[in-house]
């Protein structure tokens, strides 16, 4: 059995449509009336959008119901599905904690409540019957003020038992006027010993070379091999991994055909740049991680050798994977050495 690591999955986009629809049927009269039958909701929730900004509006639909009270409900179902249907061994779950706090509170009150949200998420991810290794990535946001984003960095540094890194999200086309601000926040994060990733080079309007030196991984990054392949040697030198989320680019209108990703993989492999294949929003797409791999393989975008390389890269670049080797290598070692199975750490 192959075991997978997903390095780029949003808490807001992780709720599969049927789970969310059932929640609305029980707790949200307006949404229940709008979508009385499930097929209509699934079509609305998972259809392709014209732009990334239009697509990101769907996150607000989920964020407003992922509250202090309901987060354990949604996270349990996320983990159950990831373990049973996706064979995940490791998951990095990213979100903006500020957006899970009550919006009727003042900014300072919401900042104060963020630690409680992180703790709730952290405890909810510890499910004994589904023993995934899960860590959180806290997202700064392009539409939040500096004070909130700095508080998110401080929070990540103070809760390293739960948090493995920081990110910046909210649509990469919106960073332009605040580049120096985000560069300063990333420098500050590094000074606190935090690991870093960031949504960058996802769309043609989100290509900011100034941010690249501050990232340990690049969230998406597909425009680098597509439009700026001259940057690939530097990306390889810095050992930066691209977090490529194939279905996302069709859902956001960034790509017209999945086969356009073949150039991304070919150029990255040629340049020695690692790629981790991820889901981004597995629930929003209704596409789980093994099927992301399968779609790439069956459409001849990658071959089996490249598939294995991407699987290994995901574990190698994972911020909180506690072992030196991915699970597949550990299993191979077991068979070679005839070691007792109970000595093998398999999650």
Protein backbone atom coordinates (compact mmCIF):
# COMPACT_ATOMS: atom_id res chain seq x y z
CA UNK A 1 0.00 0.00 0.00
CA UNK A 2 1.39 3.40 -0.98
CA UNK A 3 1.38 5.99 1.78
CA UNK A 4 1.06 9.66 0.90
CA UNK A 5 1.98 13.04 2.33
CA UNK A 6 -0.08 16.12 1.49
CA UNK A 7 1.87 19.33 2.11
CA UNK A 8 -0.72 21.79 0.81
CA UNK A 9 -4.29 21.38 2.04
CA UNK A 10 -6.51 24.19 3.29
CA UNK A 11 -8.77 23.64 6.25
CA UNK A 12 -11.48 25.68 4.54
CA UNK A 13 -11.32 23.65 1.33
CA UNK A 14 -10.95 20.27 3.01
CA UNK A 15 -14.63 19.67 3.77
CA UNK A 16 -16.09 17.31 1.19
CA UNK A 17 -19.35 18.59 -0.32
CA UNK A 18 -21.66 15.96 1.18
CA UNK A 19 -20.40 16.63 4.72
CA UNK A 20 -20.86 20.37 4.25
CA UNK A 21 -24.32 19.97 2.70
CA UNK A 22 -25.44 17.78 5.60
CA UNK A 23 -24.20 20.40 8.03
CA UNK A 24 -26.18 23.11 6.22
CA UNK A 25 -29.29 20.92 6.21
CA UNK A 26 -29.09 20.63 9.99
CA UNK A 27 -27.81 24.05 11.01
CA UNK A 28 -28.24 26.66 8.24
CA UNK A 29 -31.81 27.26 7.13
CA UNK A 30 -30.84 29.73 4.39
CA UNK A 31 -28.40 27.32 2.71
CA UNK A 32 -30.75 24.38 3.25
CA UNK A 33 -33.50 26.22 1.37
CA UNK A 34 -31.10 27.30 -1.35
CA UNK A 35 -29.88 23.73 -1.90
CA UNK A 36 -32.67 21.34 -0.81
CA UNK A 37 -31.10 18.42 -2.73
CA UNK A 38 -27.46 17.33 -2.64
CA UNK A 39 -26.70 17.16 -6.41
CA UNK A 40 -27.44 20.87 -6.81
CA UNK A 41 -25.09 21.77 -3.99
CA UNK A 42 -22.29 19.52 -5.29
CA UNK A 43 -22.53 21.08 -8.75
CA UNK A 44 -22.36 24.59 -7.26
CA UNK A 45 -19.56 23.77 -4.81
CA UNK A 46 -17.22 21.88 -7.15
CA UNK A 47 -17.71 23.56 -10.53
CA UNK A 48 -14.93 25.46 -12.27
CA UNK A 49 -14.61 29.20 -11.66
CA UNK A 50 -13.31 31.88 -14.02
CA UNK A 51 -10.61 33.35 -11.78
CA UNK A 52 -8.68 32.58 -8.63
CA UNK A 53 -10.43 35.42 -6.78
CA UNK A 54 -13.85 34.02 -7.68
CA UNK A 55 -12.73 30.58 -6.56
CA UNK A 56 -11.42 31.87 -3.22
CA UNK A 57 -14.83 33.29 -2.37
CA UNK A 58 -15.92 29.71 -1.70
CA UNK A 59 -13.55 29.61 1.26
CA UNK A 60 -15.64 32.26 3.00
CA UNK A 61 -18.63 29.91 2.77
CA UNK A 62 -16.78 27.36 4.92
CA UNK A 63 -14.82 29.75 7.13
CA UNK A 64 -18.00 31.21 8.58
CA UNK A 65 -19.14 27.78 9.82
CA UNK A 66 -15.72 26.59 11.05
CA UNK A 67 -16.08 28.04 14.51
CA UNK A 68 -14.69 27.19 17.91
CA UNK A 69 -17.66 24.87 18.43
CA UNK A 70 -17.74 23.16 15.03
CA UNK A 71 -14.05 22.74 14.15
CA UNK A 72 -13.75 19.34 15.88
CA UNK A 73 -16.78 18.10 13.89
CA UNK A 74 -15.26 19.04 10.54
CA UNK A 75 -11.71 17.98 11.41
CA UNK A 76 -12.72 14.52 12.57
CA UNK A 77 -14.44 13.85 9.26
CA UNK A 78 -11.50 15.28 7.34
CA UNK A 79 -9.07 12.94 9.12
CA UNK A 80 -11.33 9.91 8.79
CA UNK A 81 -11.55 10.39 5.03
CA UNK A 82 -7.85 11.14 4.63
CA UNK A 83 -6.85 8.00 6.50
CA UNK A 84 -9.39 5.57 5.02
CA UNK A 85 -9.71 6.79 1.44
CA UNK A 86 -6.37 8.51 0.76
CA UNK A 87 -3.81 6.43 2.65
CA UNK A 88 -2.32 9.60 4.08
CA UNK A 89 0.51 9.15 6.54
CA UNK A 90 1.25 12.85 6.90
CA UNK A 91 -0.75 16.03 6.45
CA UNK A 92 0.01 19.71 6.79
CA UNK A 93 -3.23 21.57 7.32
CA UNK A 94 -3.15 25.30 6.61
CA UNK A 95 -5.58 28.08 7.45
CA UNK A 96 -5.85 31.63 8.80
CA UNK A 97 -6.84 31.38 12.48
CA UNK A 98 -8.13 34.96 12.57
CA UNK A 99 -10.86 34.01 10.10
CA UNK A 100 -12.18 31.35 12.51
CA UNK A 101 -12.82 33.88 15.27
CA UNK A 102 -16.19 35.67 15.70
CA UNK A 103 -16.37 38.66 13.37
CA UNK A 104 -18.46 40.72 15.80
CA UNK A 105 -15.43 41.03 18.11
CA UNK A 106 -12.85 43.80 17.87
CA UNK A 107 -9.58 43.15 16.05
CA UNK A 108 -7.63 42.86 19.29
CA UNK A 109 -10.19 40.45 20.75
CA UNK A 110 -10.04 38.29 17.63
CA UNK A 111 -6.23 38.26 17.79
CA UNK A 112 -6.44 37.12 21.40
CA UNK A 113 -8.74 34.25 20.42
CA UNK A 114 -6.45 32.88 17.70
CA UNK A 115 -4.40 30.80 20.15
CA UNK A 116 -7.56 29.02 21.26
CA UNK A 117 -8.38 28.18 17.63
CA UNK A 118 -4.90 26.71 17.07
CA UNK A 119 -5.22 24.62 20.21
CA UNK A 120 -8.69 23.38 19.21
CA UNK A 121 -7.40 22.37 15.77
CA UNK A 122 -4.32 20.75 17.30
CA UNK A 123 -6.28 18.64 19.76
CA UNK A 124 -8.95 17.75 17.19
CA UNK A 125 -6.32 16.33 14.82
CA UNK A 126 -5.18 13.80 17.43
CA UNK A 127 -7.58 10.99 16.60
CA UNK A 128 -6.48 7.66 18.04
CA UNK A 129 -8.24 5.43 15.50
CA UNK A 130 -6.82 7.40 12.54
CA UNK A 131 -3.15 7.96 13.48
CA UNK A 132 -1.97 10.44 10.89
CA UNK A 133 0.88 12.78 11.65
CA UNK A 134 -0.65 16.24 11.28
CA UNK A 135 0.82 19.70 11.73
CA UNK A 136 -0.56 23.16 11.12
CA UNK A 137 0.63 25.93 8.82
CA UNK A 138 -0.72 29.33 9.81
CA UNK A 139 -1.54 31.62 6.90
CA UNK A 140 -1.02 35.32 6.85
CA UNK A 141 -3.53 36.85 4.45
CA UNK A 142 -3.19 39.41 1.69
CA UNK A 143 -6.44 41.10 2.79
CA UNK A 144 -5.66 41.31 6.49
CA UNK A 145 -3.86 44.26 8.10
CA UNK A 146 -0.21 44.12 9.13
CA UNK A 147 -1.05 43.91 12.84
CA UNK A 148 -3.06 40.73 12.33
CA UNK A 149 -0.45 39.12 10.09
CA UNK A 150 2.34 39.87 12.56
CA UNK A 151 0.22 38.40 15.34
CA UNK A 152 -0.16 35.23 13.24
CA UNK A 153 3.64 34.95 12.94
CA UNK A 154 4.05 35.49 16.69
CA UNK A 155 1.38 32.88 17.37
CA UNK A 156 3.10 30.33 15.13
CA UNK A 157 6.37 30.88 16.98
CA UNK A 158 4.70 30.47 20.38
CA UNK A 159 2.83 27.24 19.51
CA UNK A 160 5.43 25.09 17.76
CA UNK A 161 3.99 21.95 19.29
CA UNK A 162 1.07 22.41 16.89
CA UNK A 163 2.48 24.67 14.16
CA UNK A 164 5.25 23.79 11.70
CA UNK A 165 5.37 26.87 9.42
CA UNK A 166 3.77 30.05 8.15
CA UNK A 167 2.34 30.91 4.76
CA UNK A 168 0.80 33.87 2.97
CA UNK A 169 -2.50 33.31 1.18
CA UNK A 170 -5.47 35.25 -0.14
CA UNK A 171 -4.67 35.42 -3.85
CA UNK A 172 -1.14 36.02 -5.09
CA UNK A 173 -2.13 38.93 -7.33
CA UNK A 174 -2.82 41.06 -4.23
CA UNK A 175 0.72 41.09 -2.79
CA UNK A 176 2.15 43.78 -5.06
CA UNK A 177 1.47 46.90 -3.00
CA UNK A 178 2.57 45.17 0.22
CA UNK A 179 5.70 43.34 -0.90
CA UNK A 180 8.03 45.07 1.54
CA UNK A 181 5.59 44.37 4.34
CA UNK A 182 5.48 40.64 3.58
CA UNK A 183 9.24 40.47 3.09
CA UNK A 184 9.64 42.03 6.53
CA UNK A 185 7.22 39.51 8.05
CA UNK A 186 9.08 36.59 6.48
CA UNK A 187 12.40 37.95 7.76
CA UNK A 188 10.82 38.24 11.18
CA UNK A 189 9.53 34.65 10.93
CA UNK A 190 13.02 33.38 10.11
CA UNK A 191 14.41 35.25 13.11
CA UNK A 192 11.94 33.29 15.27
CA UNK A 193 13.07 29.98 13.81
CA UNK A 194 9.91 29.41 11.76
CA UNK A 195 9.77 27.45 8.52
CA UNK A 196 8.17 29.16 5.56
CA UNK A 197 6.10 28.57 2.48
CA UNK A 198 3.91 30.94 0.48
CA UNK A 199 1.36 31.09 -2.32
CA UNK A 200 3.45 32.45 -5.16
CA UNK A 201 3.77 32.11 -8.94
CA UNK A 202 0.38 30.40 -9.01
CA UNK A 203 -1.11 32.81 -11.55
CA UNK A 204 0.56 35.06 -14.13
CA UNK A 205 -0.34 38.04 -11.90
CA UNK A 206 1.31 36.60 -8.81
CA UNK A 207 4.96 36.42 -9.84
CA UNK A 208 7.07 38.28 -7.28
CA UNK A 209 10.71 37.26 -7.45
CA UNK A 210 11.44 39.46 -4.41
CA UNK A 211 9.65 36.99 -2.11
CA UNK A 212 11.37 33.85 -3.36
CA UNK A 213 14.52 34.03 -1.17
CA UNK A 214 12.41 33.89 2.00
CA UNK A 215 10.50 30.70 1.17
CA UNK A 216 11.62 27.16 1.98
CA UNK A 217 8.84 25.79 -0.22
CA UNK A 218 6.77 27.51 -2.90
CA UNK A 219 3.00 27.15 -2.78
CA UNK A 220 2.10 26.23 -6.38
CA UNK A 221 4.94 27.99 -8.23
CA UNK A 222 3.85 26.65 -11.62
CA UNK A 223 4.48 29.94 -13.42
CA UNK A 224 8.21 29.57 -12.74
CA UNK A 225 8.72 26.62 -15.12
CA UNK A 226 5.97 27.86 -17.46
CA UNK A 227 7.04 31.50 -17.85
CA UNK A 228 10.29 32.03 -15.95
CA UNK A 229 12.35 28.83 -16.42
CA UNK A 230 15.54 30.87 -15.98
CA UNK A 231 14.72 30.93 -12.25
CA UNK A 232 14.74 27.15 -11.91
CA UNK A 233 18.51 26.77 -11.27
CA UNK A 234 18.22 29.16 -8.32
CA UNK A 235 15.15 27.32 -7.01
CA UNK A 236 17.13 24.07 -7.20
CA UNK A 237 20.13 25.65 -5.50
CA UNK A 238 17.92 26.80 -2.61
CA UNK A 239 16.36 23.31 -2.41
CA UNK A 240 12.89 24.81 -2.72
CA UNK A 241 10.09 22.39 -3.46
CA UNK A 242 7.06 23.34 -5.54
CA UNK A 243 3.70 22.41 -4.00
CA UNK A 244 1.81 21.61 -7.21
CA UNK A 245 -1.96 21.16 -6.86
CA UNK A 246 -3.16 19.96 -10.30
CA UNK A 247 -6.95 20.16 -10.04
CA UNK A 248 -6.81 23.68 -8.61
CA UNK A 249 -5.52 25.16 -11.85
CA UNK A 250 -8.55 23.86 -13.75
CA UNK A 251 -10.99 25.02 -11.08
CA UNK A 252 -9.52 28.55 -11.00
CA UNK A 253 -9.20 29.02 -14.76
CA UNK A 254 -5.41 29.28 -14.44
CA UNK A 255 -4.95 26.40 -16.92
CA UNK A 256 -7.29 25.16 -19.61
CA UNK A 257 -6.01 21.60 -19.71
CA UNK A 258 -4.19 19.44 -17.19
CA UNK A 259 -1.71 18.44 -19.89
CA UNK A 260 -0.24 21.94 -19.69
CA UNK A 261 1.42 20.72 -16.48
CA UNK A 262 3.66 18.35 -18.44
CA UNK A 263 5.99 21.26 -19.19
CA UNK A 264 6.05 22.08 -15.47
CA UNK A 265 7.14 18.57 -14.51
CA UNK A 266 9.57 18.15 -17.42
CA UNK A 267 11.38 21.42 -16.77
CA UNK A 268 11.51 20.90 -13.01
CA UNK A 269 12.89 17.38 -13.27
CA UNK A 270 15.46 18.54 -15.81
CA UNK A 271 16.56 21.37 -13.50
CA UNK A 272 16.60 19.21 -10.37
CA UNK A 273 13.66 21.00 -8.74
CA UNK A 274 11.50 18.82 -6.48
CA UNK A 275 7.72 18.74 -6.80
CA UNK A 276 5.28 17.62 -4.13
CA UNK A 277 1.87 16.79 -5.57
CA UNK A 278 -0.87 18.16 -3.30
CA UNK A 279 -4.64 18.62 -3.18
CA UNK A 280 -4.96 22.25 -2.06
CA UNK A 281 -8.72 21.91 -1.49
CA UNK A 282 -9.59 18.24 -1.67
CA UNK A 283 -13.16 18.77 -0.50
CA UNK A 284 -13.84 21.73 -2.72
CA UNK A 285 -12.61 19.74 -5.73
CA UNK A 286 -14.03 16.40 -4.58
CA UNK A 287 -10.69 14.93 -5.72
CA UNK A 288 -8.51 13.08 -3.22
CA UNK A 289 -4.71 12.91 -3.33
CA UNK A 290 -4.26 9.43 -4.90
CA UNK A 291 -6.46 10.56 -7.78
CA UNK A 292 -4.31 13.65 -8.33
CA UNK A 293 -1.42 11.24 -8.92
CA UNK A 294 -3.53 8.92 -11.05
CA UNK A 295 -4.84 11.73 -13.26
CA UNK A 296 -1.30 12.92 -13.96
CA UNK A 297 -0.16 9.40 -14.72
CA UNK A 298 -3.04 8.34 -16.97
CA UNK A 299 -2.78 11.54 -19.01
CA UNK A 300 0.97 10.92 -19.56
CA UNK A 301 1.96 14.07 -17.72
CA UNK A 302 4.28 12.04 -15.45
CA UNK A 303 5.55 8.47 -15.55
CA UNK A 304 5.85 5.97 -12.71
CA UNK A 305 9.43 6.96 -11.96
CA UNK A 306 8.42 10.61 -11.63
CA UNK A 307 5.38 9.62 -9.58
CA UNK A 308 7.64 7.88 -7.06
CA UNK A 309 10.01 10.86 -7.05
CA UNK A 310 7.13 13.20 -6.20
CA UNK A 311 5.90 10.90 -3.44
CA UNK A 312 9.37 10.82 -1.91
CA UNK A 313 9.82 14.59 -2.31
CA UNK A 314 6.65 15.22 -0.33
CA UNK A 315 8.05 13.39 2.69
CA UNK A 316 11.54 14.81 2.24
CA UNK A 317 10.27 18.40 2.24
CA UNK A 318 7.62 17.89 4.93
CA UNK A 319 8.15 20.38 7.72
CA UNK A 320 7.21 18.02 10.56
CA UNK A 321 7.73 14.46 9.26
CA UNK A 322 9.73 12.94 12.14
CA UNK A 323 11.62 10.21 10.26
CA UNK A 324 14.57 10.37 7.90
CA UNK A 325 12.87 8.25 5.26
CA UNK A 326 9.38 8.14 3.71
CA UNK A 327 7.16 5.18 4.67
CA UNK A 328 7.92 3.31 1.42
CA UNK A 329 11.64 3.29 2.17
CA UNK A 330 10.97 2.11 5.71
CA UNK A 331 8.88 -0.76 4.38
CA UNK A 332 11.56 -1.73 1.85
CA UNK A 333 14.09 -1.74 4.67
CA UNK A 334 11.81 -4.02 6.65
CA UNK A 335 11.68 -6.64 3.91
CA UNK A 336 15.41 -6.45 3.23
CA UNK A 337 16.44 -6.72 6.85
CA UNK A 338 13.71 -9.11 7.98
CA UNK A 339 13.20 -6.79 10.92
CA UNK A 340 10.24 -7.42 13.22
CA UNK A 341 7.24 -5.41 12.08
CA UNK A 342 6.62 -4.01 15.55
CA UNK A 343 9.94 -2.17 15.29
CA UNK A 344 8.77 -0.31 12.21
CA UNK A 345 7.24 3.12 12.73
CA UNK A 346 4.40 3.12 10.23
CA UNK A 347 1.56 5.61 10.73
